[in-house]
């Protein structure tokens, strides 16, 4: 939810940076002085808004979750176990769900 608010604010900020002068002139209002200085360096401000907004969204969305599901059945959850699975653990968990797991190919000496 909060991530959507940040994204909406980010889009609004982009709108003000690129179209603020037109918006305020259409509304017959004086453009704020801070927006005038922002308009002087549109690209730098836009890049800053982009990176800052994406950083905040990334922090809000980061849960550290790693989950494997098979047919809506949870096979592995990092949240529940507190650790990342090894390949062997994943293959065993899939085999326990009835998935035919083939052994890895044996490398041949050439």
C-alpha atoms as a PDB file:
ATOM      1  CA  UNK A   1       0.000   0.000   0.000  1.00  0.00           C
ATOM      2  CA  UNK A   2       2.712   2.451   1.004  1.00  0.00           C
ATOM      3  CA  UNK A   3       4.674   1.493  -2.090  1.00  0.00           C
ATOM      4  CA  UNK A   4       1.744   2.580  -4.277  1.00  0.00           C
ATOM      5  CA  UNK A   5       1.679   5.938  -2.502  1.00  0.00           C
ATOM      6  CA  UNK A   6       5.401   6.407  -3.183  1.00  0.00           C
ATOM      7  CA  UNK A   7       4.900   5.491  -6.858  1.00  0.00           C
ATOM      8  CA  UNK A   8       2.014   7.945  -7.156  1.00  0.00           C
ATOM      9  CA  UNK A   9       4.068  10.706  -5.554  1.00  0.00           C
ATOM     10  CA  UNK A  10       6.941   9.870  -7.889  1.00  0.00           C
ATOM     11  CA  UNK A  11       4.696  10.220 -10.955  1.00  0.00           C
ATOM     12  CA  UNK A  12       3.269  13.478  -9.587  1.00  0.00           C
ATOM     13  CA  UNK A  13       6.784  14.813  -9.086  1.00  0.00           C
ATOM     14  CA  UNK A  14       7.665  13.896 -12.673  1.00  0.00           C
ATOM     15  CA  UNK A  15       4.555  15.739 -13.825  1.00  0.00           C
ATOM     16  CA  UNK A  16       5.532  18.857 -11.885  1.00  0.00           C
ATOM     17  CA  UNK A  17       9.102  18.766 -13.161  1.00  0.00           C
ATOM     18  CA  UNK A  18       8.156  18.487 -16.821  1.00  0.00           C
ATOM     19  CA  UNK A  19       4.764  20.216 -16.951  1.00  0.00           C
ATOM     20  CA  UNK A  20       4.712  22.416 -13.845  1.00  0.00           C
ATOM     21  CA  UNK A  21       5.021  25.650 -15.802  1.00  0.00           C
ATOM     22  CA  UNK A  22       2.092  24.712 -18.053  1.00  0.00           C
ATOM     23  CA  UNK A  23      -0.029  23.523 -15.124  1.00  0.00           C
ATOM     24  CA  UNK A  24       0.424  26.733 -13.147  1.00  0.00           C
ATOM     25  CA  UNK A  25      -0.088  28.977 -16.184  1.00  0.00           C
ATOM     26  CA  UNK A  26      -3.293  27.084 -17.069  1.00  0.00           C
ATOM     27  CA  UNK A  27      -4.543  27.603 -13.495  1.00  0.00           C
ATOM     28  CA  UNK A  28      -3.511  31.309 -13.697  1.00  0.00           C
ATOM     29  CA  UNK A  29      -1.304  30.839 -10.645  1.00  0.00           C
ATOM     30  CA  UNK A  30       2.247  31.953 -10.001  1.00  0.00           C
ATOM     31  CA  UNK A  31       4.732  29.112 -10.096  1.00  0.00           C
ATOM     32  CA  UNK A  32       6.468  28.572  -6.709  1.00  0.00           C
ATOM     33  CA  UNK A  33      10.095  29.640  -6.577  1.00  0.00           C
ATOM     34  CA  UNK A  34      11.300  26.138  -5.663  1.00  0.00           C
ATOM     35  CA  UNK A  35       9.613  24.760  -8.778  1.00  0.00           C
ATOM     36  CA  UNK A  36      11.210  27.482 -10.902  1.00  0.00           C
ATOM     37  CA  UNK A  37      14.670  26.382  -9.758  1.00  0.00           C
ATOM     38  CA  UNK A  38      13.737  22.721 -10.334  1.00  0.00           C
ATOM     39  CA  UNK A  39      12.621  23.562 -13.867  1.00  0.00           C
ATOM     40  CA  UNK A  40      16.108  24.905 -14.604  1.00  0.00           C
ATOM     41  CA  UNK A  41      17.591  21.425 -14.216  1.00  0.00           C
ATOM     42  CA  UNK A  42      14.766  19.115 -15.294  1.00  0.00           C
ATOM     43  CA  UNK A  43      16.843  16.097 -16.263  1.00  0.00           C
ATOM     44  CA  UNK A  44      18.947  16.087 -13.093  1.00  0.00           C
ATOM     45  CA  UNK A  45      15.826  16.433 -10.966  1.00  0.00           C
ATOM     46  CA  UNK A  46      14.013  13.702 -12.910  1.00  0.00           C
ATOM     47  CA  UNK A  47      16.933  11.290 -12.527  1.00  0.00           C
ATOM     48  CA  UNK A  48      17.068  12.056  -8.799  1.00  0.00           C
ATOM     49  CA  UNK A  49      13.326  11.459  -8.415  1.00  0.00           C
ATOM     50  CA  UNK A  50      13.623   8.211 -10.372  1.00  0.00           C
ATOM     51  CA  UNK A  51      16.463   6.797  -8.275  1.00  0.00           C
ATOM     52  CA  UNK A  52      15.114   8.022  -4.938  1.00  0.00           C
ATOM     53  CA  UNK A  53      11.607   6.702  -5.640  1.00  0.00           C
ATOM     54  CA  UNK A  54      12.909   3.325  -6.788  1.00  0.00           C
ATOM     55  CA  UNK A  55      15.211   3.071  -3.767  1.00  0.00           C
ATOM     56  CA  UNK A  56      12.338   3.766  -1.374  1.00  0.00           C
ATOM     57  CA  UNK A  57      10.080   1.295  -3.178  1.00  0.00           C
ATOM     58  CA  UNK A  58      12.793  -1.337  -3.095  1.00  0.00           C
ATOM     59  CA  UNK A  59      13.206  -0.921   0.646  1.00  0.00           C
ATOM     60  CA  UNK A  60       9.450  -1.100   1.202  1.00  0.00           C
ATOM     61  CA  UNK A  61       9.066  -4.215  -0.949  1.00  0.00           C
ATOM     62  CA  UNK A  62      12.138  -6.071   0.333  1.00  0.00           C
ATOM     63  CA  UNK A  63      11.109  -8.927   2.585  1.00  0.00           C
ATOM     64  CA  UNK A  64      13.949 -11.363   2.048  1.00  0.00           C
ATOM     65  CA  UNK A  65      11.389 -13.963   1.021  1.00  0.00           C
ATOM     66  CA  UNK A  66      12.375 -16.885  -1.140  1.00  0.00           C
ATOM     67  CA  UNK A  67       9.632 -19.417  -1.650  1.00  0.00           C
ATOM     68  CA  UNK A  68       9.131 -22.342  -3.986  1.00  0.00           C
ATOM     69  CA  UNK A  69       5.590 -23.485  -4.704  1.00  0.00           C
ATOM     70  CA  UNK A  70       4.327 -26.391  -6.772  1.00  0.00           C
ATOM     71  CA  UNK A  71       0.638 -26.522  -7.704  1.00  0.00           C
ATOM     72  CA  UNK A  72      -0.182 -23.978  -4.991  1.00  0.00           C
ATOM     73  CA  UNK A  73       1.636 -26.111  -2.397  1.00  0.00           C
ATOM     74  CA  UNK A  74       4.528 -24.514  -0.537  1.00  0.00           C
ATOM     75  CA  UNK A  75       7.645 -26.614  -1.130  1.00  0.00           C
ATOM     76  CA  UNK A  76      10.232 -24.310   0.507  1.00  0.00           C
ATOM     77  CA  UNK A  77      10.083 -21.059   2.444  1.00  0.00           C
ATOM     78  CA  UNK A  78      13.076 -19.030   3.548  1.00  0.00           C
ATOM     79  CA  UNK A  79      10.778 -17.120   5.881  1.00  0.00           C
ATOM     80  CA  UNK A  80       9.812 -20.320   7.716  1.00  0.00           C
ATOM     81  CA  UNK A  81      13.247 -21.944   7.767  1.00  0.00           C
ATOM     82  CA  UNK A  82      15.392 -18.827   8.014  1.00  0.00           C
ATOM     83  CA  UNK A  83      17.861 -20.047   5.415  1.00  0.00           C
ATOM     84  CA  UNK A  84      18.330 -20.478   1.677  1.00  0.00           C
ATOM     85  CA  UNK A  85      17.980 -24.034   0.364  1.00  0.00           C
ATOM     86  CA  UNK A  86      20.771 -25.961  -1.269  1.00  0.00           C
ATOM     87  CA  UNK A  87      20.217 -27.700  -4.597  1.00  0.00           C
ATOM     88  CA  UNK A  88      19.969 -31.032  -2.784  1.00  0.00           C
ATOM     89  CA  UNK A  89      17.262 -29.711  -0.445  1.00  0.00           C
ATOM     90  CA  UNK A  90      15.265 -28.337  -3.387  1.00  0.00           C
ATOM     91  CA  UNK A  91      15.510 -31.602  -5.328  1.00  0.00           C
ATOM     92  CA  UNK A  92      14.491 -33.636  -2.257  1.00  0.00           C
ATOM     93  CA  UNK A  93      11.546 -31.325  -1.565  1.00  0.00           C
ATOM     94  CA  UNK A  94      10.377 -31.612  -5.180  1.00  0.00           C
ATOM     95  CA  UNK A  95      10.803 -35.404  -5.102  1.00  0.00           C
ATOM     96  CA  UNK A  96       8.698 -35.502  -1.924  1.00  0.00           C
ATOM     97  CA  UNK A  97       5.944 -33.779  -3.925  1.00  0.00           C
ATOM     98  CA  UNK A  98       6.048 -36.474  -6.582  1.00  0.00           C
ATOM     99  CA  UNK A  99       8.226 -34.692  -9.121  1.00  0.00           C
ATOM    100  CA  UNK A 100      10.592 -37.053 -10.904  1.00  0.00           C
ATOM    101  CA  UNK A 101      14.017 -35.655 -10.227  1.00  0.00           C
ATOM    102  CA  UNK A 102      16.753 -36.842 -12.555  1.00  0.00           C
ATOM    103  CA  UNK A 103      20.320 -37.016 -11.289  1.00  0.00           C
ATOM    104  CA  UNK A 104      22.648 -34.404 -12.702  1.00  0.00           C
ATOM    105  CA  UNK A 105      24.641 -35.539 -15.746  1.00  0.00           C
ATOM    106  CA  UNK A 106      28.085 -36.943 -15.059  1.00  0.00           C
ATOM    107  CA  UNK A 107      30.759 -34.868 -16.778  1.00  0.00           C
ATOM    108  CA  UNK A 108      32.809 -36.777 -19.324  1.00  0.00           C
ATOM    109  CA  UNK A 109      36.521 -36.314 -19.778  1.00  0.00           C
ATOM    110  CA  UNK A 110      37.222 -35.170 -23.311  1.00  0.00           C
END
